[in-house]
Protein backbone atom coordinates (compact mmCIF):
# COMPACT_ATOMS: atom_id res chain seq x y z
CA UNK A 1 34.84 5.29 -11.49
CA UNK A 2 35.69 8.69 -12.92
CA UNK A 3 33.21 10.72 -14.02
CA UNK A 4 33.09 13.57 -16.20
CA UNK A 5 29.56 15.23 -16.11
CA UNK A 6 27.68 15.62 -18.71
CA UNK A 7 30.82 15.24 -21.54
CA UNK A 8 30.79 11.42 -20.93
CA UNK A 9 26.99 11.07 -22.22
CA UNK A 10 27.22 13.90 -24.85
CA UNK A 11 30.45 11.37 -26.37
CA UNK A 12 29.46 9.82 -29.50
CA UNK A 13 32.57 7.06 -29.27
CA UNK A 14 31.53 3.48 -29.20
CA UNK A 15 34.05 3.22 -26.38
CA UNK A 16 32.26 5.94 -24.08
CA UNK A 17 28.97 4.21 -25.06
CA UNK A 18 29.96 0.73 -23.78
CA UNK A 19 31.50 2.33 -20.65
CA UNK A 20 28.30 3.92 -19.87
CA UNK A 21 26.41 0.74 -20.60
CA UNK A 22 29.31 -1.87 -18.82
CA UNK A 23 28.36 1.06 -15.52
CA UNK A 24 25.05 0.99 -15.80
CA UNK A 25 24.34 -3.22 -15.84
CA UNK A 26 25.58 -3.63 -12.05
CA UNK A 27 22.95 -0.73 -11.11
CA UNK A 28 20.09 -2.69 -12.78
CA UNK A 29 20.78 -6.12 -12.62
CA UNK A 30 19.69 -8.21 -9.26
CA UNK A 31 22.13 -9.49 -6.98
CA UNK A 32 22.67 -13.16 -6.36
CA UNK A 33 20.42 -12.49 -2.82
CA UNK A 34 17.32 -11.37 -4.94
CA UNK A 35 17.33 -13.66 -7.81
CA UNK A 36 17.57 -16.62 -4.75
CA UNK A 37 14.59 -14.79 -2.84
CA UNK A 38 12.68 -14.46 -5.72
CA UNK A 39 13.34 -18.12 -6.74
CA UNK A 40 12.20 -19.35 -3.49
CA UNK A 41 9.32 -16.82 -3.33
CA UNK A 42 7.74 -18.94 -6.52
CA UNK A 43 8.86 -21.98 -5.48
């Protein structure tokens, strides 16, 4: 992933917004292993 510093966040185009959202989702989403662990813990 290429970063552009603060300019990437200051951009007002929908493409830059979608790119930032797509780059953020893997960071906040749980992995399959984490989901399986949580499900096993609840069962």
